[in-house]
Protein backbone atom coordinates (compact mmCIF):
# COMPACT_ATOMS: atom_id res chain seq x y z
CA MET A 1 23.76 -40.45 -35.81
CA GLN A 2 27.69 -40.97 -34.81
CA LYS A 3 29.76 -38.27 -32.91
CA LEU A 4 33.37 -37.87 -33.75
CA THR A 5 36.01 -35.71 -32.56
CA LEU A 6 37.57 -33.63 -35.33
CA TYR A 7 40.94 -31.70 -34.96
CA GLN A 8 42.10 -29.00 -37.33
CA ILE A 9 46.05 -28.58 -37.18
CA ASP A 10 48.22 -26.11 -38.95
CA ALA A 11 51.31 -28.15 -40.16
CA PHE A 12 54.71 -27.00 -41.03
CA THR A 13 54.32 -23.77 -39.13
CA ASP A 14 54.94 -22.70 -35.51
CA LYS A 15 51.81 -20.34 -35.51
CA VAL A 16 48.20 -20.63 -36.36
CA PHE A 17 47.11 -19.34 -39.75
CA GLY A 18 50.46 -20.46 -41.34
CA GLY A 19 51.58 -23.64 -42.97
CA ASN A 20 48.93 -26.17 -44.16
CA PRO A 21 45.81 -26.91 -42.34
CA ALA A 22 44.58 -30.59 -42.27
CA ALA A 23 41.76 -32.09 -40.40
CA VAL A 24 42.45 -35.27 -38.35
CA CYS A 25 39.72 -37.79 -37.22
CA VAL A 26 41.05 -40.69 -34.81
CA LEU A 27 38.42 -43.38 -35.19
CA ASP A 28 37.72 -46.67 -33.22
CA GLN A 29 37.35 -48.46 -36.39
CA TRP A 30 37.29 -47.51 -40.09
CA LEU A 31 34.13 -45.73 -41.43
CA GLU A 32 32.73 -46.50 -44.89
CA GLU A 33 34.88 -45.15 -47.47
CA GLU A 34 32.00 -43.07 -49.04
CA LYS A 35 31.48 -41.56 -45.52
CA MET A 36 35.15 -40.58 -45.09
CA GLN A 37 35.03 -38.93 -48.46
CA GLN A 38 32.02 -36.88 -47.51
CA ILE A 39 33.58 -35.81 -44.14
CA ALA A 40 36.66 -34.75 -46.34
CA ALA A 41 34.40 -32.81 -48.73
CA GLU A 42 32.60 -31.23 -45.89
CA ASN A 43 35.81 -30.07 -44.20
CA ASN A 44 37.03 -28.56 -47.64
CA LEU A 45 40.46 -28.71 -46.59
CA ALA A 46 43.47 -29.94 -48.85
CA GLU A 47 43.58 -33.04 -46.81
CA THR A 48 41.58 -34.82 -43.97
CA ALA A 49 43.52 -37.72 -42.51
CA PHE A 50 41.69 -40.77 -40.60
CA VAL A 51 43.70 -42.83 -38.18
CA VAL A 52 42.90 -46.29 -36.55
CA LYS A 53 44.93 -47.75 -33.87
CA THR A 54 46.36 -51.30 -34.88
CA GLY A 55 48.10 -52.92 -31.92
CA SER A 56 50.96 -50.46 -30.92
CA ASP A 57 50.71 -48.94 -34.44
CA TYR A 58 48.22 -46.85 -36.47
CA SER A 59 46.70 -47.32 -39.97
CA ILE A 60 46.30 -43.91 -41.68
CA ARG A 61 44.27 -42.67 -44.99
CA TRP A 62 44.15 -39.41 -46.61
CA PHE A 63 41.31 -37.83 -48.40
CA THR A 64 41.16 -34.46 -50.42
CA PRO A 65 37.50 -32.91 -51.02
CA THR A 66 37.24 -35.15 -53.99
CA VAL A 67 39.53 -38.29 -53.98
CA GLU A 68 41.58 -40.63 -51.62
CA VAL A 69 45.34 -39.91 -52.30
CA ASP A 70 48.43 -42.22 -51.78
CA LEU A 71 50.37 -40.04 -49.76
CA CYS A 72 50.19 -36.83 -47.64
CA GLY A 73 53.02 -35.45 -45.53
CA HIS A 74 51.31 -32.44 -43.91
CA ALA A 75 48.23 -34.32 -42.69
CA THR A 76 50.46 -37.19 -41.36
CA LEU A 77 52.37 -34.48 -39.26
CA ALA A 78 48.98 -33.20 -38.15
CA ALA A 79 47.76 -36.82 -37.21
CA ALA A 80 51.06 -37.31 -35.15
CA PHE A 81 50.57 -33.99 -33.34
CA VAL A 82 46.99 -34.97 -32.45
CA LEU A 83 47.96 -38.49 -30.99
CA PHE A 84 51.21 -36.87 -29.03
CA SER A 85 49.09 -33.75 -27.71
CA TYR A 86 45.98 -35.39 -27.11
CA HIS A 87 46.22 -39.27 -26.64
CA HIS A 88 48.95 -39.21 -24.10
CA LEU A 89 51.48 -41.43 -25.78
CA THR A 90 54.27 -42.64 -23.60
CA VAL A 91 56.70 -43.09 -26.76
CA ASN A 92 58.35 -40.35 -28.83
CA ALA A 93 57.90 -42.08 -32.39
CA ILE A 94 54.60 -43.36 -33.91
CA THR A 95 54.63 -45.91 -36.81
CA PHE A 96 51.90 -45.27 -39.31
CA HIS A 97 50.89 -47.90 -41.88
CA SER A 98 49.23 -46.98 -45.36
CA HIS A 99 47.60 -49.37 -47.64
CA ARG A 100 48.87 -47.28 -50.51
CA SER A 101 52.41 -46.25 -49.30
CA GLY A 102 53.67 -48.56 -46.77
CA LEU A 103 55.45 -47.90 -43.43
CA LEU A 104 55.61 -44.32 -42.41
CA THR A 105 57.18 -43.07 -39.14
CA VAL A 106 57.02 -39.58 -37.05
CA GLU A 107 59.33 -38.84 -34.32
CA GLN A 108 58.77 -36.19 -31.86
CA GLN A 109 61.79 -34.12 -30.64
CA GLY A 110 60.74 -31.22 -28.60
CA GLU A 111 58.22 -29.17 -30.45
CA GLU A 112 59.42 -30.46 -33.71
CA LEU A 113 58.02 -33.65 -35.62
CA THR A 114 60.22 -35.61 -38.18
CA LEU A 115 58.38 -37.51 -40.94
CA ASN A 116 60.42 -40.63 -42.38
CA PHE A 117 58.85 -41.18 -45.80
CA PRO A 118 59.92 -43.28 -48.82
CA THR A 119 61.99 -41.50 -51.25
CA ASP A 120 60.17 -41.08 -54.88
CA VAL A 121 61.85 -42.25 -58.16
CA LEU A 122 62.45 -39.48 -60.58
CA GLU A 123 62.85 -39.79 -64.49
CA GLN A 124 63.74 -36.84 -66.50
CA VAL A 125 61.33 -36.32 -69.26
CA GLU A 126 60.51 -33.89 -72.11
CA VAL A 127 58.54 -30.97 -70.73
CA PRO A 128 54.69 -31.76 -71.76
CA GLU A 129 53.30 -29.19 -74.18
CA THR A 130 50.12 -29.22 -71.66
CA LEU A 131 52.24 -27.90 -68.82
CA THR A 132 54.14 -25.13 -70.90
CA GLN A 133 50.63 -24.06 -71.82
CA ALA A 134 49.31 -24.24 -68.54
CA PHE A 135 52.19 -22.06 -66.87
CA GLY A 136 52.60 -19.81 -69.84
CA VAL A 137 56.62 -20.24 -69.60
CA ALA A 138 58.74 -23.36 -70.38
CA PRO A 139 60.80 -24.83 -67.65
CA GLU A 140 64.41 -25.43 -67.63
CA ALA A 141 63.81 -29.28 -67.17
CA ALA A 142 60.77 -31.60 -66.13
CA PHE A 143 60.93 -34.73 -64.08
CA LYS A 144 58.13 -37.43 -63.58
CA GLY A 145 57.88 -39.25 -60.21
CA LYS A 146 55.46 -41.80 -59.04
CA THR A 147 52.35 -39.30 -59.00
CA ASP A 148 53.53 -35.75 -59.71
CA TYR A 149 55.53 -33.66 -62.31
CA LEU A 150 58.62 -31.64 -61.04
CA LEU A 151 59.42 -28.63 -63.04
CA LEU A 152 62.66 -26.72 -62.56
CA PHE A 153 63.03 -22.87 -62.90
CA ALA A 154 65.97 -20.54 -62.60
CA SER A 155 65.10 -18.52 -59.62
CA GLU A 156 62.87 -17.98 -56.50
CA GLU A 157 61.28 -15.01 -58.43
CA ASP A 158 60.35 -17.21 -61.14
CA ILE A 159 58.38 -19.53 -58.84
CA VAL A 160 56.45 -16.65 -57.12
CA ALA A 161 55.50 -15.11 -60.56
CA LEU A 162 53.67 -18.35 -61.88
CA HIS A 163 50.01 -18.09 -62.15
CA PRO A 164 49.00 -21.29 -64.02
CA ASP A 165 45.87 -21.87 -66.08
CA LEU A 166 44.31 -24.18 -63.46
CA ARG A 167 41.65 -25.59 -66.26
CA VAL A 168 44.64 -26.72 -68.49
CA LEU A 169 46.45 -28.11 -65.36
CA ALA A 170 43.51 -30.19 -64.26
CA GLY A 171 43.87 -31.96 -67.61
CA VAL A 172 47.38 -33.21 -66.94
CA ALA A 173 47.70 -36.87 -66.21
CA ALA A 174 49.14 -36.78 -62.72
CA ARG A 175 48.19 -36.01 -59.22
CA GLY A 176 49.86 -32.53 -59.37
CA VAL A 177 52.69 -30.58 -60.57
CA ILE A 178 55.56 -29.35 -58.08
CA VAL A 179 57.51 -26.30 -59.44
CA SER A 180 60.78 -25.56 -57.82
CA ALA A 181 64.01 -23.41 -57.89
CA PRO A 182 67.05 -22.42 -55.86
CA GLY A 183 66.11 -20.43 -52.73
CA LYS A 184 67.49 -17.03 -51.70
CA GLU A 185 67.51 -17.68 -47.90
CA VAL A 186 66.84 -21.64 -48.11
CA ASP A 187 68.47 -24.36 -50.20
CA PHE A 188 65.25 -24.48 -52.45
CA VAL A 189 61.70 -23.11 -52.66
CA SER A 190 58.67 -24.69 -54.27
CA ARG A 191 54.89 -24.57 -55.07
CA PHE A 192 52.37 -27.34 -55.62
CA PHE A 193 49.25 -27.30 -57.77
CA ALA A 194 46.76 -30.27 -57.78
CA PRO A 195 43.46 -29.30 -59.41
CA GLN A 196 43.38 -32.74 -60.74
CA VAL A 197 42.64 -33.97 -57.16
CA GLY A 198 40.70 -30.86 -55.93
CA VAL A 199 43.27 -28.69 -54.64
CA ASP A 200 44.12 -25.72 -56.68
CA GLU A 201 47.48 -24.79 -54.76
CA ASP A 202 48.40 -26.68 -51.55
CA PRO A 203 49.95 -24.50 -48.96
CA VAL A 204 52.65 -26.76 -47.77
CA THR A 205 52.97 -30.47 -49.19
CA GLY A 206 55.11 -32.91 -47.37
CA SER A 207 54.85 -35.42 -49.81
CA ALA A 208 56.08 -33.44 -52.65
CA HIS A 209 59.33 -33.34 -50.68
CA THR A 210 59.76 -36.88 -51.18
CA THR A 211 60.50 -35.71 -55.00
CA LEU A 212 62.14 -32.60 -54.19
CA ILE A 213 64.61 -33.81 -51.67
CA PRO A 214 66.53 -36.52 -53.73
CA TYR A 215 66.61 -34.07 -56.64
CA TRP A 216 68.12 -31.01 -54.59
CA SER A 217 70.36 -33.31 -52.49
CA GLN A 218 71.98 -34.61 -55.86
CA ARG A 219 72.01 -31.12 -57.40
CA LEU A 220 73.54 -29.32 -54.11
CA GLY A 221 75.85 -32.11 -53.21
CA LYS A 222 74.41 -32.22 -49.64
CA GLN A 223 72.29 -34.50 -47.50
CA LYS A 224 70.59 -31.76 -45.09
CA LEU A 225 68.58 -29.09 -46.93
CA THR A 226 66.25 -26.41 -45.76
CA ALA A 227 63.26 -25.55 -47.96
CA ARG A 228 60.29 -23.10 -48.05
CA GLN A 229 57.03 -23.45 -49.96
CA LEU A 230 56.10 -20.15 -51.23
CA SER A 231 52.16 -20.28 -51.08
CA LYS A 232 50.43 -17.40 -49.47
CA ARG A 233 50.30 -19.18 -46.00
CA GLN A 234 54.07 -20.36 -46.64
CA GLY A 235 55.66 -23.20 -44.71
CA GLU A 236 59.23 -24.07 -43.41
CA LEU A 237 60.77 -27.60 -43.65
CA THR A 238 64.19 -29.17 -42.79
CA CYS A 239 64.92 -31.85 -44.99
CA GLU A 240 67.50 -34.99 -45.20
CA PHE A 241 68.17 -37.48 -47.86
CA LEU A 242 68.54 -40.94 -46.41
CA GLY A 243 68.88 -42.82 -49.55
CA ASP A 244 65.60 -44.79 -50.03
CA ARG A 245 63.90 -42.73 -47.42
CA VAL A 246 63.65 -38.97 -46.75
CA ALA A 247 63.37 -37.16 -43.54
CA ILE A 248 60.96 -34.11 -43.26
CA THR A 249 60.95 -31.92 -40.25
CA GLY A 250 58.59 -29.25 -39.04
CA ASN A 251 56.25 -27.82 -36.42
CA ALA A 252 52.55 -27.99 -35.86
CA VAL A 253 49.95 -26.14 -33.98
CA ALA A 254 46.25 -26.73 -33.02
CA TYR A 255 43.59 -24.47 -34.54
CA LEU A 256 40.53 -26.34 -33.63
CA LYS A 257 39.14 -29.18 -31.78
CA GLY A 258 35.38 -30.06 -32.01
CA GLU A 259 32.72 -32.65 -32.68
CA ILE A 260 30.98 -33.65 -36.10
CA TYR A 261 27.80 -35.61 -36.33
CA VAL A 262 27.75 -38.22 -39.19
């Protein structure tokens, strides 16, 4: 039996019970993929991040309770928080390598952490009938990125009022569906639904902002943006469009440090 340290971190928030919780395991070497999936299922959080040191950098993988995913922002933020807080790094930036998403960096500036991720590429599409059926209302426009749909609505109130049929949504051929609108107190608001990968509604989705930032940057004519994800836990993000990259800044706090036996 192997004993591993497990951290649970609330990301994109400055207080516990807010933002998006992620589990983080820093490993000496990779576990079998089946074992990592079992740990993620047992944690039953939106994401569990597994990290292995490779030279001066780190490799990272992310698992929902049901599948491995290509990219996860909040769990990367959580992993960086763990390394900065508990592994006594002498640098203020961490380079992660993902076999699915390439080079990712996280920079620490005081209590804030800034993700540097690749920008998603969007294509405007006709609104799939399945999505209109799932949400019970047609959006103003729809876009398709690498893994997700982005649906645009008129107001923040529209986003709050959405109650999708998750069984219908689970049949959509995508990782998940982002819904977004102009914000009243921030530049834009959003929610993210992904029953396809075992996450009915994600509290705060960093990777979805690789899609949202280029869209809203172009629409609003500004590079720096503020964002809020309108889940029950909510989360606050500061965003910047950098062309083929985006910067996503937020806080993180520790909720739990323990041991698991596998």
